[in-house]
Amino acid sequence: MFEKLNWLLMVLPFALWGTAMAAMAPLVNSGGPELVATLRLLPAGIAILLVAFFMNRPLGIARIDLGWFALFCLIDGSLFQFCLARGLVESGAGLGSVFIDSQPLIVALLARTLFGDPINPIGWIGLTIGIGGIVCIGVSPELLGHWFLMRTEAFELELFGQGQGWMLFAALAMALGTVLIRFTCKESDPVAVTGWHMVFGSFPLAIWHFLYSSRPLFPDWSINDWCLMAYSTFFGSALAYGLFFWFASRKELTSFSTLAFLTPVFALISGGIWLGERLNSIQWFGACFVLVSVFLVSQRSRLWEPLNNSKNQLNKEIEG
């Protein structure tokens, strides 16, 4: 029972992120990416710190962690949230989620290099299937046909014009943030680090919006728009990030971060409910690939060990 609850809590951040992207998509055009990112970070950070205070958790950042903490604020707070919101201006929630969730592969490579996290052949197969799955979910059938059917007509793809470039930068920033949390929480509480990094990470975005944005300081949103923003802030940011960095500071990074492949599935489902987006047959095919990828990478040790033992046993029998 406890193991099932733990698994559900590990999946919850990615479900909240996927639905939050669908909630944010209608807001970035009217409010601007800097304001939406600020409103997603600052209130959520304050909420996390208040919860930590009432739970009697340590709120300070250890002196030894301050350097890494400053870098964490800049990359995972300011840069990631700006690139995410800016990418949503051009791309939809589902497509944006697809591109941003290429980050597990980056995390796997960084975790392998820095922490020695093992990636056996089953894991690499799972990661490859996951990337293929999110491509099927988010890339248009026309472009897939151009790639794989070897059509001769020109097909123009403006990476930054359609938001994919911003989402790829966001994926890189998120991957670096996932790795940096290990260095930032050497002597600091991960919940406090999460809350403070959201507060301080919002400052550059707020300053930029107030000083340089051509949009109004506060948009003329409806009650429904403010409800969507509140959901993105307190569920898709405060709760999701609190759970994510709690697990990221304790779990094996490659397996945990690969659950991010589920985010596009949740984003596309919620986009269909809220924004009228619909999955085509290729996207359903990609969603199945995503689920297979999550299973393979998260269970790669259990799957690979019997295969490896059988191979070793066969080699011994041949040598004998």
C-alpha atoms as a PDB file:
ATOM      1  CA  MET A   1       0.000   0.000   0.000  1.00  0.00           C
ATOM      2  CA  PHE A   2       2.767   2.424   0.947  1.00  0.00           C
ATOM      3  CA  GLU A   3       4.682   1.599  -2.239  1.00  0.00           C
ATOM      4  CA  LYS A   4       1.620   2.334  -4.385  1.00  0.00           C
ATOM      5  CA  LEU A   5       1.060   5.670  -2.601  1.00  0.00           C
ATOM      6  CA  ASN A   6       4.716   6.570  -3.062  1.00  0.00           C
ATOM      7  CA  TRP A   7       4.465   5.785  -6.785  1.00  0.00           C
ATOM      8  CA  LEU A   8       1.331   7.930  -7.140  1.00  0.00           C
ATOM      9  CA  LEU A   9       3.066  10.843  -5.402  1.00  0.00           C
ATOM     10  CA  MET A  10       6.032  10.480  -7.771  1.00  0.00           C
ATOM     11  CA  VAL A  11       3.719  10.659 -10.792  1.00  0.00           C
ATOM     12  CA  LEU A  12       1.637  13.549  -9.394  1.00  0.00           C
ATOM     13  CA  PRO A  13       4.116  16.395 -10.218  1.00  0.00           C
ATOM     14  CA  PHE A  14       4.124  15.449 -13.881  1.00  0.00           C
ATOM     15  CA  ALA A  15       0.322  15.236 -14.011  1.00  0.00           C
ATOM     16  CA  LEU A  16       0.097  18.677 -12.409  1.00  0.00           C
ATOM     17  CA  TRP A  17       2.682  20.118 -14.822  1.00  0.00           C
ATOM     18  CA  GLY A  18       0.847  18.751 -17.837  1.00  0.00           C
ATOM     19  CA  THR A  19      -2.503  20.176 -16.770  1.00  0.00           C
ATOM     20  CA  ALA A  20      -0.881  23.470 -15.701  1.00  0.00           C
ATOM     21  CA  MET A  21       0.576  23.957 -19.183  1.00  0.00           C
ATOM     22  CA  ALA A  22      -2.914  23.654 -20.646  1.00  0.00           C
ATOM     23  CA  ALA A  23      -4.139  26.172 -18.066  1.00  0.00           C
ATOM     24  CA  MET A  24      -1.328  28.634 -18.852  1.00  0.00           C
ATOM     25  CA  ALA A  25      -1.635  28.462 -22.639  1.00  0.00           C
ATOM     26  CA  PRO A  26      -4.545  30.955 -22.939  1.00  0.00           C
ATOM     27  CA  LEU A  27      -2.895  33.399 -20.502  1.00  0.00           C
ATOM     28  CA  VAL A  28       0.550  34.042 -21.978  1.00  0.00           C
ATOM     29  CA  ASN A  29      -0.705  35.984 -24.992  1.00  0.00           C
ATOM     30  CA  SER A  30      -2.727  38.485 -22.950  1.00  0.00           C
ATOM     31  CA  GLY A  31      -0.531  38.665 -19.864  1.00  0.00           C
ATOM     32  CA  GLY A  32       2.927  38.174 -21.374  1.00  0.00           C
ATOM     33  CA  PRO A  33       5.416  35.405 -20.583  1.00  0.00           C
ATOM     34  CA  GLU A  34       7.287  37.419 -17.926  1.00  0.00           C
ATOM     35  CA  LEU A  35       4.138  38.174 -15.907  1.00  0.00           C
ATOM     36  CA  VAL A  36       2.726  34.650 -16.179  1.00  0.00           C
ATOM     37  CA  ALA A  37       6.081  33.194 -15.124  1.00  0.00           C
ATOM     38  CA  THR A  38       6.281  35.653 -12.199  1.00  0.00           C
ATOM     39  CA  LEU A  39       2.755  34.844 -11.026  1.00  0.00           C
ATOM     40  CA  ARG A  40       3.545  31.157 -11.275  1.00  0.00           C
ATOM     41  CA  LEU A  41       6.725  31.445  -9.213  1.00  0.00           C
ATOM     42  CA  LEU A  42       6.329  34.104  -6.503  1.00  0.00           C
ATOM     43  CA  PRO A  43       3.018  33.104  -4.834  1.00  0.00           C
ATOM     44  CA  ALA A  44       3.942  29.423  -5.137  1.00  0.00           C
ATOM     45  CA  GLY A  45       7.293  29.996  -3.454  1.00  0.00           C
ATOM     46  CA  ILE A  46       5.650  31.891  -0.603  1.00  0.00           C
ATOM     47  CA  ALA A  47       3.084  29.083  -0.201  1.00  0.00           C
ATOM     48  CA  ILE A  48       5.815  26.441   0.000  1.00  0.00           C
ATOM     49  CA  LEU A  49       7.728  28.453   2.611  1.00  0.00           C
ATOM     50  CA  LEU A  50       4.577  28.913   4.699  1.00  0.00           C
ATOM     51  CA  VAL A  51       3.915  25.173   4.631  1.00  0.00           C
ATOM     52  CA  ALA A  52       7.544  24.531   5.616  1.00  0.00           C
ATOM     53  CA  PHE A  53       7.210  27.027   8.482  1.00  0.00           C
ATOM     54  CA  PHE A  54       4.073  25.392   9.903  1.00  0.00           C
ATOM     55  CA  MET A  55       5.698  21.973   9.538  1.00  0.00           C
ATOM     56  CA  ASN A  56       8.676  23.247  11.580  1.00  0.00           C
ATOM     57  CA  ARG A  57      11.094  22.538   8.748  1.00  0.00           C
ATOM     58  CA  PRO A  58      14.359  24.528   8.576  1.00  0.00           C
ATOM     59  CA  LEU A  59      13.897  27.578   6.329  1.00  0.00           C
ATOM     60  CA  GLY A  60      17.486  28.757   6.001  1.00  0.00           C
ATOM     61  CA  ILE A  61      19.927  28.058   3.192  1.00  0.00           C
ATOM     62  CA  ALA A  62      23.237  26.706   4.470  1.00  0.00           C
ATOM     63  CA  ARG A  63      26.244  28.895   3.700  1.00  0.00           C
ATOM     64  CA  ILE A  64      27.990  26.048   1.911  1.00  0.00           C
ATOM     65  CA  ASP A  65      25.016  25.790  -0.484  1.00  0.00           C
ATOM     66  CA  LEU A  66      24.643  29.501  -1.324  1.00  0.00           C
ATOM     67  CA  GLY A  67      26.705  29.452  -4.521  1.00  0.00           C
ATOM     68  CA  TRP A  68      24.827  26.496  -5.970  1.00  0.00           C
ATOM     69  CA  PHE A  69      21.560  27.985  -4.725  1.00  0.00           C
ATOM     70  CA  ALA A  70      22.136  31.233  -6.657  1.00  0.00           C
ATOM     71  CA  LEU A  71      22.829  29.262  -9.834  1.00  0.00           C
ATOM     72  CA  PHE A  72      19.762  27.094  -9.172  1.00  0.00           C
ATOM     73  CA  CYS A  73      17.555  30.207  -8.809  1.00  0.00           C
ATOM     74  CA  LEU A  74      18.782  31.638 -12.099  1.00  0.00           C
ATOM     75  CA  ILE A  75      18.569  28.454 -14.171  1.00  0.00           C
ATOM     76  CA  ASP A  76      15.590  26.557 -12.793  1.00  0.00           C
ATOM     77  CA  GLY A  77      13.685  29.601 -11.585  1.00  0.00           C
ATOM     78  CA  SER A  78      14.111  32.526 -13.959  1.00  0.00           C
ATOM     79  CA  LEU A  79      15.416  30.903 -17.148  1.00  0.00           C
ATOM     80  CA  PHE A  80      13.247  27.792 -17.142  1.00  0.00           C
ATOM     81  CA  GLN A  81       9.982  29.565 -16.363  1.00  0.00           C
ATOM     82  CA  PHE A  82      10.621  32.333 -18.905  1.00  0.00           C
ATOM     83  CA  CYS A  83      11.477  29.890 -21.709  1.00  0.00           C
ATOM     84  CA  LEU A  84       8.434  27.784 -20.826  1.00  0.00           C
ATOM     85  CA  ALA A  85       6.037  30.742 -20.873  1.00  0.00           C
ATOM     86  CA  ARG A  86       7.672  32.242 -23.970  1.00  0.00           C
ATOM     87  CA  GLY A  87       7.385  28.938 -25.809  1.00  0.00           C
ATOM     88  CA  LEU A  88       3.685  28.700 -24.972  1.00  0.00           C
ATOM     89  CA  VAL A  89       3.105  31.964 -26.865  1.00  0.00           C
ATOM     90  CA  GLU A  90       3.842  30.149 -30.133  1.00  0.00           C
ATOM     91  CA  SER A  91       3.187  26.470 -29.389  1.00  0.00           C
ATOM     92  CA  GLY A  92       0.213  24.774 -27.816  1.00  0.00           C
ATOM     93  CA  ALA A  93       0.246  23.046 -24.459  1.00  0.00           C
ATOM     94  CA  GLY A  94       0.613  19.565 -25.933  1.00  0.00           C
ATOM     95  CA  LEU A  95       3.324  20.418 -28.452  1.00  0.00           C
ATOM     96  CA  GLY A  96       5.192  22.558 -25.924  1.00  0.00           C
ATOM     97  CA  SER A  97       5.073  19.774 -23.373  1.00  0.00           C
ATOM     98  CA  VAL A  98       6.465  17.337 -25.920  1.00  0.00           C
ATOM     99  CA  PHE A  99       9.535  19.433 -26.583  1.00  0.00           C
ATOM    100  CA  ILE A 100      10.187  20.393 -22.981  1.00  0.00           C
ATOM    101  CA  ASP A 101      10.004  16.772 -21.867  1.00  0.00           C
ATOM    102  CA  SER A 102      13.019  15.767 -23.887  1.00  0.00           C
ATOM    103  CA  GLN A 103      14.860  16.659 -20.666  1.00  0.00           C
ATOM    104  CA  PRO A 104      14.976  13.113 -19.148  1.00  0.00           C
ATOM    105  CA  LEU A 105      17.552  12.118 -21.748  1.00  0.00           C
ATOM    106  CA  ILE A 106      19.694  15.129 -20.766  1.00  0.00           C
ATOM    107  CA  VAL A 107      19.240  14.266 -17.084  1.00  0.00           C
ATOM    108  CA  ALA A 108      20.238  10.658 -17.754  1.00  0.00           C
ATOM    109  CA  LEU A 109      23.466  11.728 -19.440  1.00  0.00           C
ATOM    110  CA  LEU A 110      24.306  14.281 -16.725  1.00  0.00           C
ATOM    111  CA  ALA A 111      23.441  11.879 -13.899  1.00  0.00           C
ATOM    112  CA  ARG A 112      25.568   9.173 -15.510  1.00  0.00           C
ATOM    113  CA  THR A 113      28.506  11.581 -15.830  1.00  0.00           C
ATOM    114  CA  LEU A 114      28.275  13.326 -12.460  1.00  0.00           C
ATOM    115  CA  PHE A 115      26.801  10.724 -10.107  1.00  0.00           C
ATOM    116  CA  GLY A 116      27.496   7.423 -11.845  1.00  0.00           C
ATOM    117  CA  ASP A 117      23.813   6.527 -12.142  1.00  0.00           C
ATOM    118  CA  PRO A 118      23.719   3.318 -14.200  1.00  0.00           C
ATOM    119  CA  ILE A 119      21.975   3.173 -17.557  1.00  0.00           C
ATOM    120  CA  ASN A 120      21.898  -0.401 -18.822  1.00  0.00           C
ATOM    121  CA  PRO A 121      20.739  -1.411 -22.334  1.00  0.00           C
ATOM    122  CA  ILE A 122      17.123  -1.708 -21.174  1.00  0.00           C
ATOM    123  CA  GLY A 123      17.302   1.886 -19.932  1.00  0.00           C
ATOM    124  CA  TRP A 124      18.724   3.168 -23.200  1.00  0.00           C
ATOM    125  CA  ILE A 125      16.030   1.332 -25.147  1.00  0.00           C
ATOM    126  CA  GLY A 126      13.386   2.884 -22.897  1.00  0.00           C
ATOM    127  CA  LEU A 127      14.792   6.384 -23.321  1.00  0.00           C
ATOM    128  CA  THR A 128      14.889   5.977 -27.090  1.00  0.00           C
ATOM    129  CA  ILE A 129      11.302   4.731 -27.174  1.00  0.00           C
ATOM    130  CA  GLY A 130      10.242   7.654 -24.977  1.00  0.00           C
ATOM    131  CA  ILE A 131      11.798  10.228 -27.278  1.00  0.00           C
ATOM    132  CA  GLY A 132      10.111   8.530 -30.234  1.00  0.00           C
ATOM    133  CA  GLY A 133       6.820   8.583 -28.363  1.00  0.00           C
ATOM    134  CA  ILE A 134       6.846  12.284 -27.583  1.00  0.00           C
ATOM    135  CA  VAL A 135       7.826  13.001 -31.202  1.00  0.00           C
ATOM    136  CA  CYS A 136       4.761  11.066 -32.344  1.00  0.00           C
ATOM    137  CA  ILE A 137       2.607  12.957 -29.852  1.00  0.00           C
ATOM    138  CA  GLY A 138       3.727  16.461 -30.726  1.00  0.00           C
ATOM    139  CA  VAL A 139       5.083  16.590 -34.276  1.00  0.00           C
ATOM    140  CA  SER A 140       2.541  17.116 -37.056  1.00  0.00           C
ATOM    141  CA  PRO A 141       1.715  14.169 -39.352  1.00  0.00           C
ATOM    142  CA  GLU A 142       2.802  16.298 -42.320  1.00  0.00           C
ATOM    143  CA  LEU A 143       6.283  16.742 -40.902  1.00  0.00           C
ATOM    144  CA  LEU A 144       6.533  13.069 -39.913  1.00  0.00           C
ATOM    145  CA  GLY A 145       5.573  12.142 -43.450  1.00  0.00           C
ATOM    146  CA  HIS A 146       8.212  14.502 -44.813  1.00  0.00           C
ATOM    147  CA  TRP A 147      10.872  12.851 -42.619  1.00  0.00           C
ATOM    148  CA  PHE A 148      10.021   9.174 -42.975  1.00  0.00           C
ATOM    149  CA  LEU A 149       8.367   8.932 -46.393  1.00  0.00           C
ATOM    150  CA  MET A 150      11.233  10.830 -48.049  1.00  0.00           C
ATOM    151  CA  ARG A 151       9.017  13.374 -49.764  1.00  0.00           C
ATOM    152  CA  THR A 152      10.889  15.711 -52.080  1.00  0.00           C
ATOM    153  CA  GLU A 153       8.915  18.925 -51.492  1.00  0.00           C
ATOM    154  CA  ALA A 154      10.415  21.561 -49.211  1.00  0.00           C
ATOM    155  CA  PHE A 155       9.093  21.741 -45.676  1.00  0.00           C
ATOM    156  CA  GLU A 156      10.012  24.811 -43.686  1.00  0.00           C
ATOM    157  CA  LEU A 157      10.152  24.614 -39.908  1.00  0.00           C
ATOM    158  CA  GLU A 158      10.879  27.834 -38.065  1.00  0.00           C
ATOM    159  CA  LEU A 159      12.155  26.538 -34.748  1.00  0.00           C
ATOM    160  CA  PHE A 160      11.933  29.717 -32.682  1.00  0.00           C
ATOM    161  CA  GLY A 161       9.006  31.113 -34.661  1.00  0.00           C
ATOM    162  CA  GLN A 162       6.828  28.195 -33.537  1.00  0.00           C
ATOM    163  CA  GLY A 163       8.127  28.063 -29.983  1.00  0.00           C
ATOM    164  CA  GLN A 164      10.018  24.773 -30.158  1.00  0.00           C
ATOM    165  CA  GLY A 165      13.389  26.439 -29.627  1.00  0.00           C
ATOM    166  CA  TRP A 166      12.193  28.113 -26.440  1.00  0.00           C
ATOM    167  CA  MET A 167      10.822  24.787 -25.222  1.00  0.00           C
ATOM    168  CA  LEU A 168      14.119  23.041 -25.931  1.00  0.00           C
ATOM    169  CA  PHE A 169      15.943  25.713 -23.921  1.00  0.00           C
ATOM    170  CA  ALA A 170      13.391  25.170 -21.158  1.00  0.00           C
ATOM    171  CA  ALA A 171      14.088  21.428 -21.282  1.00  0.00           C
ATOM    172  CA  LEU A 172      17.820  22.069 -20.923  1.00  0.00           C
ATOM    173  CA  ALA A 173      17.237  24.470 -18.013  1.00  0.00           C
ATOM    174  CA  MET A 174      14.953  21.962 -16.282  1.00  0.00           C
ATOM    175  CA  ALA A 175      17.479  19.161 -16.746  1.00  0.00           C
ATOM    176  CA  LEU A 176      20.257  21.296 -15.263  1.00  0.00           C
ATOM    177  CA  GLY A 177      17.963  22.259 -12.387  1.00  0.00           C
ATOM    178  CA  THR A 178      17.188  18.602 -11.676  1.00  0.00           C
ATOM    179  CA  VAL A 179      20.908  17.891 -11.371  1.00  0.00           C
ATOM    180  CA  LEU A 180      21.706  21.104  -9.448  1.00  0.00           C
ATOM    181  CA  ILE A 181      19.244  20.216  -6.662  1.00  0.00           C
ATOM    182  CA  ARG A 182      21.685  17.508  -5.542  1.00  0.00           C
ATOM    183  CA  PHE A 183      24.432  20.126  -5.041  1.00  0.00           C
ATOM    184  CA  THR A 184      22.093  22.742  -3.577  1.00  0.00           C
ATOM    185  CA  CYS A 185      20.672  20.481  -0.852  1.00  0.00           C
ATOM    186  CA  LYS A 186      23.894  19.193   0.674  1.00  0.00           C
ATOM    187  CA  GLU A 187      23.047  20.812   4.019  1.00  0.00           C
ATOM    188  CA  SER A 188      19.809  22.651   3.179  1.00  0.00           C
ATOM    189  CA  ASP A 189      16.262  21.357   3.343  1.00  0.00           C
ATOM    190  CA  PRO A 190      14.941  20.596  -0.189  1.00  0.00           C
ATOM    191  CA  VAL A 191      11.511  22.081   0.590  1.00  0.00           C
ATOM    192  CA  ALA A 192      13.055  25.372   1.732  1.00  0.00           C
ATOM    193  CA  VAL A 193      15.366  25.418  -1.283  1.00  0.00           C
ATOM    194  CA  THR A 194      12.394  24.890  -3.584  1.00  0.00           C
ATOM    195  CA  GLY A 195      10.403  27.718  -2.002  1.00  0.00           C
ATOM    196  CA  TRP A 196      13.232  30.257  -1.872  1.00  0.00           C
ATOM    197  CA  HIS A 197      14.421  29.502  -5.411  1.00  0.00           C
ATOM    198  CA  MET A 198      10.936  30.241  -6.716  1.00  0.00           C
ATOM    199  CA  VAL A 199      10.764  33.525  -4.793  1.00  0.00           C
ATOM    200  CA  PHE A 200      14.192  34.774  -5.853  1.00  0.00           C
ATOM    201  CA  GLY A 201      13.829  33.334  -9.359  1.00  0.00           C
ATOM    202  CA  SER A 202      10.716  35.462  -9.895  1.00  0.00           C
ATOM    203  CA  PHE A 203      12.505  38.769  -9.194  1.00  0.00           C
ATOM    204  CA  PRO A 204      14.330  39.139 -12.563  1.00  0.00           C
ATOM    205  CA  LEU A 205      11.135  38.259 -14.423  1.00  0.00           C
ATOM    206  CA  ALA A 206       9.041  40.753 -12.447  1.00  0.00           C
ATOM    207  CA  ILE A 207      11.616  43.534 -12.908  1.00  0.00           C
ATOM    208  CA  TRP A 208      11.801  42.878 -16.645  1.00  0.00           C
ATOM    209  CA  HIS A 209       8.008  42.948 -16.977  1.00  0.00           C
ATOM    210  CA  PHE A 210       7.559  46.147 -14.974  1.00  0.00           C
ATOM    211  CA  LEU A 211      10.389  48.043 -16.693  1.00  0.00           C
ATOM    212  CA  TYR A 212      10.479  46.800 -20.272  1.00  0.00           C
ATOM    213  CA  SER A 213       7.223  45.049 -21.190  1.00  0.00           C
ATOM    214  CA  SER A 214       4.808  46.876 -23.493  1.00  0.00           C
ATOM    215  CA  ARG A 215       1.861  45.035 -21.938  1.00  0.00           C
ATOM    216  CA  PRO A 216      -0.175  46.380 -18.972  1.00  0.00           C
ATOM    217  CA  LEU A 217       1.263  45.684 -15.545  1.00  0.00           C
ATOM    218  CA  PHE A 218      -1.802  43.590 -14.736  1.00  0.00           C
ATOM    219  CA  PRO A 219      -3.935  42.087 -17.531  1.00  0.00           C
ATOM    220  CA  ASP A 220      -7.691  42.394 -17.762  1.00  0.00           C
ATOM    221  CA  TRP A 221      -8.369  38.738 -17.029  1.00  0.00           C
ATOM    222  CA  SER A 222     -11.738  37.224 -16.276  1.00  0.00           C
ATOM    223  CA  ILE A 223     -12.466  35.286 -13.102  1.00  0.00           C
ATOM    224  CA  ASN A 224     -11.970  32.081 -15.069  1.00  0.00           C
ATOM    225  CA  ASP A 225      -8.543  33.305 -16.248  1.00  0.00           C
ATOM    226  CA  TRP A 226      -7.474  34.082 -12.680  1.00  0.00           C
ATOM    227  CA  CYS A 227      -8.685  30.634 -11.591  1.00  0.00           C
ATOM    228  CA  LEU A 228      -6.510  29.056 -14.299  1.00  0.00           C
ATOM    229  CA  MET A 229      -3.562  31.153 -13.113  1.00  0.00           C
ATOM    230  CA  ALA A 230      -4.208  30.143  -9.498  1.00  0.00           C
ATOM    231  CA  TYR A 231      -4.293  26.469 -10.505  1.00  0.00           C
ATOM    232  CA  SER A 232      -1.007  26.838 -12.396  1.00  0.00           C
ATOM    233  CA  THR A 233       0.547  28.586  -9.407  1.00  0.00           C
ATOM    234  CA  PHE A 234      -0.547  26.555  -6.409  1.00  0.00           C
ATOM    235  CA  PHE A 235      -1.045  23.110  -7.939  1.00  0.00           C
ATOM    236  CA  GLY A 236       1.076  23.165 -11.092  1.00  0.00           C
ATOM    237  CA  SER A 237       3.924  24.987  -9.377  1.00  0.00           C
ATOM    238  CA  ALA A 238       3.887  24.935  -5.541  1.00  0.00           C
ATOM    239  CA  LEU A 239       2.681  21.366  -5.024  1.00  0.00           C
ATOM    240  CA  ALA A 240       4.304  19.954  -8.161  1.00  0.00           C
ATOM    241  CA  TYR A 241       7.731  21.487  -7.552  1.00  0.00           C
ATOM    242  CA  GLY A 242       7.675  20.675  -3.869  1.00  0.00           C
ATOM    243  CA  LEU A 243       7.079  16.997  -4.615  1.00  0.00           C
ATOM    244  CA  PHE A 244       9.460  16.938  -7.593  1.00  0.00           C
ATOM    245  CA  PHE A 245      12.521  18.315  -5.841  1.00  0.00           C
ATOM    246  CA  TRP A 246      11.767  16.313  -2.707  1.00  0.00           C
ATOM    247  CA  PHE A 247      12.005  13.112  -4.752  1.00  0.00           C
ATOM    248  CA  ALA A 248      14.822  14.419  -7.000  1.00  0.00           C
ATOM    249  CA  SER A 249      17.037  15.005  -3.957  1.00  0.00           C
ATOM    250  CA  ARG A 250      16.495  11.423  -2.759  1.00  0.00           C
ATOM    251  CA  LYS A 251      15.686   9.170  -5.706  1.00  0.00           C
ATOM    252  CA  GLU A 252      17.873   7.848  -8.495  1.00  0.00           C
ATOM    253  CA  LEU A 253      17.628  10.675 -11.026  1.00  0.00           C
ATOM    254  CA  THR A 254      17.377   8.795 -14.309  1.00  0.00           C
ATOM    255  CA  SER A 255      14.397   6.656 -13.303  1.00  0.00           C
ATOM    256  CA  PHE A 256      12.566   9.492 -11.572  1.00  0.00           C
ATOM    257  CA  SER A 257      13.102  12.132 -14.266  1.00  0.00           C
ATOM    258  CA  THR A 258      11.930   9.703 -16.948  1.00  0.00           C
ATOM    259  CA  LEU A 259       8.435   9.979 -15.460  1.00  0.00           C
ATOM    260  CA  ALA A 260       8.430  13.398 -17.165  1.00  0.00           C
ATOM    261  CA  PHE A 261       7.582  11.494 -20.344  1.00  0.00           C
ATOM    262  CA  LEU A 262       4.078  11.270 -18.844  1.00  0.00           C
ATOM    263  CA  THR A 263       3.673  15.067 -18.832  1.00  0.00           C
ATOM    264  CA  PRO A 264       2.759  15.361 -22.545  1.00  0.00           C
ATOM    265  CA  VAL A 265       0.065  12.733 -22.042  1.00  0.00           C
ATOM    266  CA  PHE A 266      -1.530  14.749 -19.238  1.00  0.00           C
ATOM    267  CA  ALA A 267      -1.047  17.988 -21.192  1.00  0.00           C
ATOM    268  CA  LEU A 268      -2.801  16.606 -24.261  1.00  0.00           C
ATOM    269  CA  ILE A 269      -5.664  15.111 -22.251  1.00  0.00           C
ATOM    270  CA  SER A 270      -6.259  18.355 -20.334  1.00  0.00           C
ATOM    271  CA  GLY A 271      -5.792  20.354 -23.540  1.00  0.00           C
ATOM    272  CA  GLY A 272      -8.565  18.298 -25.101  1.00  0.00           C
ATOM    273  CA  ILE A 273     -10.866  19.040 -22.168  1.00  0.00           C
ATOM    274  CA  TRP A 274     -10.068  22.760 -21.720  1.00  0.00           C
ATOM    275  CA  LEU A 275      -8.860  23.894 -25.138  1.00  0.00           C
ATOM    276  CA  GLY A 276     -10.614  21.513 -27.512  1.00  0.00           C
ATOM    277  CA  GLU A 277      -7.366  19.830 -28.635  1.00  0.00           C
ATOM    278  CA  ARG A 278      -7.782  16.293 -29.945  1.00  0.00           C
ATOM    279  CA  LEU A 279      -5.406  13.358 -30.294  1.00  0.00           C
ATOM    280  CA  ASN A 280      -4.975  11.807 -33.716  1.00  0.00           C
ATOM    281  CA  SER A 281      -4.036   8.172 -34.280  1.00  0.00           C
ATOM    282  CA  ILE A 282      -0.293   8.904 -34.376  1.00  0.00           C
ATOM    283  CA  GLN A 283      -0.500  10.761 -31.058  1.00  0.00           C
ATOM    284  CA  TRP A 284      -2.299   7.839 -29.416  1.00  0.00           C
ATOM    285  CA  PHE A 285       0.437   5.597 -30.776  1.00  0.00           C
ATOM    286  CA  GLY A 286       3.026   7.936 -29.225  1.00  0.00           C
ATOM    287  CA  ALA A 287       1.207   7.932 -25.888  1.00  0.00           C
ATOM    288  CA  CYS A 288       1.509   4.142 -25.757  1.00  0.00           C
ATOM    289  CA  PHE A 289       5.219   4.470 -26.519  1.00  0.00           C
ATOM    290  CA  VAL A 290       5.557   6.912 -23.619  1.00  0.00           C
ATOM    291  CA  LEU A 291       3.983   4.479 -21.159  1.00  0.00           C
ATOM    292  CA  VAL A 292       6.243   1.663 -22.373  1.00  0.00           C
ATOM    293  CA  SER A 293       9.262   3.964 -21.992  1.00  0.00           C
ATOM    294  CA  VAL A 294       8.403   4.848 -18.407  1.00  0.00           C
ATOM    295  CA  PHE A 295       8.021   1.163 -17.532  1.00  0.00           C
ATOM    296  CA  LEU A 296      11.321   0.131 -19.162  1.00  0.00           C
ATOM    297  CA  VAL A 297      13.455   2.886 -17.628  1.00  0.00           C
ATOM    298  CA  SER A 298      11.935   2.749 -14.144  1.00  0.00           C
ATOM    299  CA  GLN A 299      12.213  -1.074 -14.035  1.00  0.00           C
ATOM    300  CA  ARG A 300      15.464  -1.400 -16.020  1.00  0.00           C
ATOM    301  CA  SER A 301      17.445  -2.937 -13.147  1.00  0.00           C
ATOM    302  CA  ARG A 302      14.849  -5.643 -12.515  1.00  0.00           C
ATOM    303  CA  LEU A 303      14.504  -6.371 -16.223  1.00  0.00           C
ATOM    304  CA  TRP A 304      18.208  -6.343 -17.050  1.00  0.00           C
ATOM    305  CA  GLU A 305      19.546  -8.374 -14.116  1.00  0.00           C
ATOM    306  CA  PRO A 306      17.782 -11.653 -15.048  1.00  0.00           C
ATOM    307  CA  LEU A 307      18.828 -11.214 -18.682  1.00  0.00           C
ATOM    308  CA  ASN A 308      22.403 -10.483 -17.672  1.00  0.00           C
ATOM    309  CA  ASN A 309      22.481 -13.453 -15.260  1.00  0.00           C
ATOM    310  CA  SER A 310      21.083 -15.760 -17.967  1.00  0.00           C
ATOM    311  CA  LYS A 311      23.751 -14.537 -20.395  1.00  0.00           C
ATOM    312  CA  ASN A 312      26.522 -15.135 -17.856  1.00  0.00           C
ATOM    313  CA  GLN A 313      25.143 -18.587 -17.053  1.00  0.00           C
ATOM    314  CA  LEU A 314      25.044 -19.460 -20.765  1.00  0.00           C
ATOM    315  CA  ASN A 315      28.636 -18.301 -21.211  1.00  0.00           C
ATOM    316  CA  LYS A 316      29.743 -20.485 -18.279  1.00  0.00           C
ATOM    317  CA  GLU A 317      27.974 -23.506 -19.763  1.00  0.00           C
ATOM    318  CA  ILE A 318      29.632 -22.900 -23.145  1.00  0.00           C
ATOM    319  CA  GLU A 319      33.068 -22.514 -21.510  1.00  0.00           C
ATOM    320  CA  GLY A 320      32.450 -25.590 -19.386  1.00  0.00           C
END
